[in-house]
Amino acid sequence: MNPLVSVAIVTYNQKEYLKECIESILAQDYENKEIIIADDGSTDGTHEMLIEYENKYPNLFILKLAKINAGITKNHNIAHFACKGKYIAWMGGDDLMLPGKIKKQVAFMEANPNCTLLYHNLEVFFSDSDEPSYLLNSKKSSKEGDIKTIIKYGCFNGGCSNMLRRSKAPINGFDERLPIASDWMYWVDSLANGGEIRYIDEILGKYRRHSNNITSKKNYNAYIDHLNSCNILLTKHPELKKIILYRYSENLRALRFKEPKKYRDWLVASMYVGFNMKSFVSYVLNLFSLSKIKK
């Protein structure tokens, strides 16, 4: 018999998209699954819709319906600790599975017992605009390896593409010191328990971009979480300090786009942590551009 897969969906006020997400999971050609949905206190009728699904498909859905909003990371933990499967397939309530996703990922992980985390290519599409869709990864740009790989390159694995071997999951789940962007630390902690992150070069899911994406909101909270993740990792893995500081430097460099008036300041901060050739080149090019404008 095929192993049990826990499909973990985290959602909040996404009723208009959540139905599509659920239907894409029900359409999968993989029977031995449970669908865990952690809803973080939605007020848009999501709860009523989910109860209808639960009644229609007995013993398939496990609903965790919060009365009040607890926040992103805490809601992820509610889903995480409800999972009983050998594997966890993570989904946002606004994302979609494409045919064959679960079956292909399970087959790969069963054939590769050292695979702790498996991701695949995603089509990124836009709900609020006419922007063309694009692919998140490619065989050439994909990354595979161990904990050092995920630390060095950050979140290269699109959220709804991941399947995790539950036996390698962090014993404490998502780190609640990181209220918004705790997913990267979760992947790092999983790989700290051994094994590798691997990649399937197939488009097996669709990631939706819209105005309510947390990554679309103009604030520093996610960036702060990424920086704090590095601080926490330094206390956990001082032997990996060189790679962790490199990622810290990269996170600082990324802030130049959040606050253009301090563009060079963020590049300098990035280089103070450790020499970063990309920051140095960006700094020189920015100086050169400004000198041309002044002329």
Protein backbone atom coordinates (compact mmCIF):
# COMPACT_ATOMS: atom_id res chain seq x y z
CA MET A 1 0.00 0.00 0.00
CA ASN A 2 1.18 3.49 -0.79
CA PRO A 3 2.33 5.49 2.26
CA LEU A 4 0.02 8.06 3.82
CA VAL A 5 0.58 11.63 2.65
CA SER A 6 -0.57 14.55 4.77
CA VAL A 7 -1.50 17.51 2.59
CA ALA A 8 -1.13 20.49 4.93
CA ILE A 9 -2.95 23.65 3.86
CA VAL A 10 -2.56 26.93 5.74
CA THR A 11 -5.09 29.64 4.96
CA TYR A 12 -6.68 32.87 6.11
CA ASN A 13 -9.54 34.70 4.36
CA GLN A 14 -8.86 32.99 1.04
CA LYS A 15 -12.24 31.43 0.35
CA GLU A 16 -12.25 32.61 -3.28
CA TYR A 17 -9.00 30.71 -3.93
CA LEU A 18 -9.21 27.90 -1.37
CA LYS A 19 -11.94 26.02 -3.22
CA GLU A 20 -9.68 25.80 -6.31
CA CYS A 21 -6.82 24.61 -4.11
CA ILE A 22 -8.91 21.86 -2.54
CA GLU A 23 -10.34 20.70 -5.87
CA SER A 24 -6.81 20.40 -7.31
CA ILE A 25 -5.88 18.12 -4.39
CA LEU A 26 -9.04 16.01 -4.71
CA ALA A 27 -8.19 15.51 -8.40
CA GLN A 28 -4.82 13.89 -7.58
CA ASP A 29 -4.37 10.26 -8.66
CA TYR A 30 -3.19 9.29 -5.17
CA GLU A 31 -5.73 7.84 -2.77
CA ASN A 32 -3.89 7.38 0.53
CA LYS A 33 -3.92 10.97 1.73
CA GLU A 34 -5.34 13.16 4.47
CA ILE A 35 -6.07 16.84 3.97
CA ILE A 36 -5.27 19.00 6.98
CA ILE A 37 -6.56 22.56 6.75
CA ALA A 38 -5.48 25.07 9.38
CA ASP A 39 -7.60 28.19 9.03
CA ASP A 40 -6.41 31.17 11.07
CA GLY A 41 -9.77 32.66 12.05
CA SER A 42 -11.19 33.58 8.65
CA THR A 43 -14.27 35.82 8.50
CA ASP A 44 -15.14 35.35 4.83
CA GLY A 45 -17.24 32.19 5.06
CA THR A 46 -14.27 29.82 4.78
CA HIS A 47 -15.30 27.79 7.84
CA GLU A 48 -18.77 27.07 6.49
CA MET A 49 -17.34 25.99 3.14
CA LEU A 50 -14.81 23.67 4.80
CA ILE A 51 -17.47 22.00 6.95
CA GLU A 52 -19.39 21.24 3.75
CA TYR A 53 -16.28 19.54 2.33
CA GLU A 54 -15.81 17.57 5.56
CA ASN A 55 -19.41 16.32 5.37
CA LYS A 56 -19.09 15.44 1.69
CA TYR A 57 -15.81 13.51 2.12
CA PRO A 58 -15.92 11.68 5.49
CA ASN A 59 -12.54 10.75 7.00
CA LEU A 60 -10.56 12.71 4.41
CA PHE A 61 -10.42 16.19 5.94
CA ILE A 62 -8.95 17.21 9.29
CA LEU A 63 -10.10 20.75 9.99
CA LYS A 64 -8.38 23.08 12.44
CA LEU A 65 -10.62 26.12 12.48
CA ALA A 66 -9.38 28.88 14.77
CA LYS A 67 -11.83 31.37 16.25
CA ILE A 68 -9.24 34.15 16.42
CA ASN A 69 -6.24 34.99 14.29
CA ALA A 70 -3.04 33.60 15.81
CA GLY A 71 -0.58 34.52 13.07
CA ILE A 72 1.23 32.79 10.23
CA THR A 73 3.82 30.73 12.09
CA LYS A 74 1.46 29.54 14.83
CA ASN A 75 -1.07 28.53 12.19
CA HIS A 76 1.63 26.55 10.38
CA ASN A 77 2.37 24.71 13.62
CA ILE A 78 -1.28 23.81 14.07
CA ALA A 79 -1.15 22.15 10.64
CA HIS A 80 2.27 20.60 11.24
CA PHE A 81 1.35 18.84 14.48
CA ALA A 82 -1.90 17.51 12.99
CA CYS A 83 -0.04 15.60 10.24
CA LYS A 84 0.23 11.84 10.61
CA GLY A 85 1.54 10.84 7.17
CA LYS A 86 4.96 9.52 6.24
CA TYR A 87 5.25 12.60 4.03
CA ILE A 88 3.91 16.15 4.32
CA ALA A 89 2.98 18.09 1.18
CA TRP A 90 2.76 21.79 2.08
CA MET A 91 0.26 24.10 0.37
CA GLY A 92 -0.91 27.68 0.68
CA GLY A 93 -4.66 28.09 0.48
CA ASP A 94 -4.30 30.08 -2.74
CA ASP A 95 -2.01 27.64 -4.59
CA LEU A 96 -2.75 24.71 -6.90
CA MET A 97 -1.53 21.18 -7.47
CA LEU A 98 -1.16 19.96 -11.03
CA PRO A 99 -1.99 16.35 -12.03
CA GLY A 100 0.41 13.68 -10.77
CA LYS A 101 2.16 15.86 -8.19
CA ILE A 102 1.71 13.69 -5.09
CA LYS A 103 2.25 10.37 -6.89
CA LYS A 104 5.48 11.51 -8.55
CA GLN A 105 6.92 13.02 -5.39
CA VAL A 106 6.12 9.95 -3.29
CA ALA A 107 7.67 7.65 -5.90
CA PHE A 108 10.86 9.72 -5.89
CA MET A 109 11.13 9.81 -2.09
CA GLU A 110 10.42 6.10 -1.74
CA ALA A 111 13.21 5.41 -4.24
CA ASN A 112 15.58 7.85 -2.53
CA PRO A 113 15.52 7.25 1.24
CA ASN A 114 18.19 9.93 1.81
CA CYS A 115 15.84 12.57 0.39
CA THR A 116 14.50 14.61 3.30
CA LEU A 117 12.95 17.42 1.28
CA LEU A 118 11.78 17.31 -2.33
CA TYR A 119 10.68 20.28 -4.44
CA HIS A 120 9.73 20.78 -8.07
CA ASN A 121 9.28 23.53 -10.60
CA LEU A 122 6.30 25.88 -10.26
CA GLU A 123 4.34 28.09 -12.61
CA VAL A 124 3.93 31.51 -11.00
CA PHE A 125 0.74 33.23 -12.13
CA PHE A 126 -1.00 36.51 -11.32
CA SER A 127 -4.63 36.86 -10.23
CA ASP A 128 -4.78 40.65 -9.97
CA SER A 129 -3.13 41.67 -13.22
CA ASP A 130 -2.42 40.70 -16.81
CA GLU A 131 1.23 39.99 -16.11
CA PRO A 132 2.42 36.85 -17.89
CA SER A 133 3.13 33.76 -15.85
CA TYR A 134 6.68 32.45 -15.48
CA LEU A 135 8.54 29.43 -14.15
CA LEU A 136 10.18 29.65 -10.74
CA ASN A 137 12.98 27.17 -11.38
CA SER A 138 14.80 25.30 -14.10
CA LYS A 139 17.18 22.36 -14.21
CA LYS A 140 20.06 24.81 -14.66
CA SER A 141 19.12 27.09 -11.73
CA SER A 142 17.91 24.39 -9.32
CA LYS A 143 19.86 23.58 -6.18
CA GLU A 144 20.37 20.21 -4.49
CA GLY A 145 22.42 19.26 -1.46
CA ASP A 146 22.44 19.17 2.33
CA ILE A 147 21.93 21.72 5.11
CA LYS A 148 24.81 23.84 3.78
CA THR A 149 23.02 24.23 0.45
CA ILE A 150 19.74 25.47 1.95
CA ILE A 151 21.62 27.91 4.22
CA LYS A 152 23.81 29.33 1.47
CA TYR A 153 21.09 29.87 -1.14
CA GLY A 154 18.06 30.67 1.05
CA CYS A 155 14.48 29.94 -0.01
CA PHE A 156 15.03 28.68 -3.55
CA ASN A 157 12.38 25.96 -3.09
CA GLY A 158 8.90 27.37 -3.76
CA GLY A 159 6.64 26.83 -0.74
CA CYS A 160 3.86 24.78 -2.34
CA SER A 161 6.32 22.55 -4.19
CA ASN A 162 7.74 20.94 -1.05
CA MET A 163 7.23 17.41 0.19
CA LEU A 164 8.91 16.64 3.52
CA ARG A 165 9.79 13.31 5.08
CA ARG A 166 7.95 13.75 8.40
CA SER A 167 10.50 11.71 10.38
CA LYS A 168 13.03 14.45 9.64
CA ALA A 169 10.75 17.36 10.58
CA PRO A 170 11.83 19.61 13.48
CA ILE A 171 10.57 18.19 16.77
CA ASN A 172 9.25 21.63 17.75
CA GLY A 173 7.83 22.46 14.32
CA PHE A 174 8.12 26.02 13.05
CA ASP A 175 10.13 28.41 15.22
CA GLU A 176 7.59 30.80 16.77
CA ARG A 177 10.29 33.40 17.37
CA LEU A 178 9.82 34.07 13.66
CA PRO A 179 6.17 35.22 13.38
CA ILE A 180 5.96 35.54 9.57
CA ALA A 181 8.82 34.05 7.54
CA SER A 182 9.58 30.85 9.46
CA ASP A 183 9.53 28.46 6.50
CA TRP A 184 13.24 28.74 5.65
CA MET A 185 14.24 27.89 9.21
CA TYR A 186 11.83 24.92 9.10
CA TRP A 187 13.59 23.55 6.01
CA VAL A 188 17.02 24.15 7.57
CA ASP A 189 16.00 22.42 10.81
CA SER A 190 14.66 19.46 8.81
CA LEU A 191 17.94 19.06 6.93
CA ALA A 192 19.85 19.43 10.21
CA ASN A 193 18.27 16.07 11.07
CA GLY A 194 20.04 14.53 8.07
CA GLY A 195 19.43 13.86 4.40
CA GLU A 196 19.29 16.04 1.33
CA ILE A 197 17.06 18.44 -0.55
CA ARG A 198 16.37 17.18 -4.08
CA TYR A 199 14.64 18.59 -7.16
CA ILE A 200 12.22 17.23 -9.79
CA ASP A 201 12.45 19.20 -13.02
CA GLU A 202 8.71 19.11 -13.74
CA ILE A 203 5.97 21.73 -13.34
CA LEU A 204 3.74 20.05 -10.77
CA GLY A 205 2.11 23.07 -9.15
CA LYS A 206 1.02 26.66 -9.59
CA TYR A 207 1.91 29.48 -7.20
CA ARG A 208 -0.55 32.36 -7.18
CA ARG A 209 0.63 35.97 -6.84
CA HIS A 210 -1.90 38.58 -5.75
CA SER A 211 -2.14 41.75 -3.68
CA ASN A 212 -2.63 39.86 -0.41
CA ASN A 213 0.52 37.74 -0.65
CA ILE A 214 2.57 38.37 2.46
CA THR A 215 5.62 38.81 0.23
CA SER A 216 3.77 41.53 -1.71
CA LYS A 217 3.21 43.74 1.32
CA LYS A 218 5.64 46.62 1.70
CA ASN A 219 7.07 46.03 5.15
CA TYR A 220 10.27 44.75 6.68
CA ASN A 221 8.76 41.97 8.77
CA ALA A 222 9.71 39.07 6.52
CA TYR A 223 13.22 40.49 6.07
CA ILE A 224 13.60 40.86 9.83
CA ASP A 225 12.58 37.23 10.27
CA HIS A 226 15.19 36.13 7.73
CA LEU A 227 17.89 38.10 9.55
CA ASN A 228 16.79 36.71 12.90
CA SER A 229 16.82 33.22 11.41
CA CYS A 230 20.53 33.71 10.75
CA ASN A 231 21.06 34.88 14.35
CA ILE A 232 19.33 31.76 15.66
CA LEU A 233 21.28 29.51 13.30
CA LEU A 234 24.58 30.96 14.52
CA THR A 235 23.70 29.78 18.04
CA LYS A 236 22.66 26.34 16.77
CA HIS A 237 25.42 25.72 14.25
CA PRO A 238 28.53 27.81 15.00
CA GLU A 239 30.51 25.34 12.91
CA LEU A 240 28.60 26.67 9.87
CA LYS A 241 29.24 30.35 10.70
CA LYS A 242 30.89 31.15 7.35
CA ILE A 243 27.86 30.05 5.30
CA ILE A 244 25.37 31.56 7.76
CA LEU A 245 27.14 34.94 7.66
CA TYR A 246 27.15 34.77 3.87
CA ARG A 247 23.35 34.32 3.95
CA TYR A 248 23.08 37.19 6.49
CA SER A 249 25.02 39.38 4.07
CA GLU A 250 22.74 38.38 1.20
CA ASN A 251 19.65 39.19 3.28
CA LEU A 252 21.00 42.67 4.01
CA ARG A 253 21.77 43.19 0.32
CA ALA A 254 18.17 42.31 -0.57
CA LEU A 255 16.92 45.22 1.56
CA ARG A 256 18.26 47.75 -0.97
CA PHE A 257 15.06 47.32 -2.99
CA LYS A 258 12.80 47.87 0.01
CA GLU A 259 14.27 51.28 0.76
CA PRO A 260 15.88 52.75 -2.40
CA LYS A 261 16.97 55.94 -0.60
CA LYS A 262 19.30 53.80 1.47
CA TYR A 263 20.39 51.63 -1.46
CA ARG A 264 24.12 52.05 -0.86
CA ASP A 265 23.76 51.89 2.93
CA TRP A 266 22.35 48.38 2.69
CA LEU A 267 25.15 47.33 0.34
CA VAL A 268 27.76 48.68 2.75
CA ALA A 269 26.04 46.87 5.65
CA SER A 270 26.11 43.69 3.60
CA MET A 271 29.87 44.02 3.05
CA TYR A 272 30.53 44.74 6.73
CA VAL A 273 29.14 41.33 7.64
CA GLY A 274 31.52 39.72 5.17
CA PHE A 275 32.93 40.68 1.80
CA ASN A 276 30.23 40.08 -0.78
CA MET A 277 31.27 40.44 -4.41
CA LYS A 278 27.70 40.99 -5.59
CA SER A 279 27.26 43.82 -3.08
CA PHE A 280 30.60 45.34 -4.10
CA VAL A 281 29.72 45.27 -7.81
CA SER A 282 26.26 46.73 -7.12
CA TYR A 283 27.85 49.50 -5.02
CA VAL A 284 30.36 50.43 -7.75
CA LEU A 285 27.70 50.39 -10.48
CA ASN A 286 25.45 52.60 -8.34
CA LEU A 287 28.25 55.11 -7.79
CA PHE A 288 29.01 55.11 -11.51
CA SER A 289 25.34 55.67 -12.40
CA LEU A 290 25.04 58.59 -9.98
CA SER A 291 28.19 60.23 -11.34
CA LYS A 292 26.79 60.01 -14.89
CA ILE A 293 23.51 61.59 -13.77
CA LYS A 294 25.34 64.48 -12.07
CA LYS A 295 27.25 65.19 -15.26
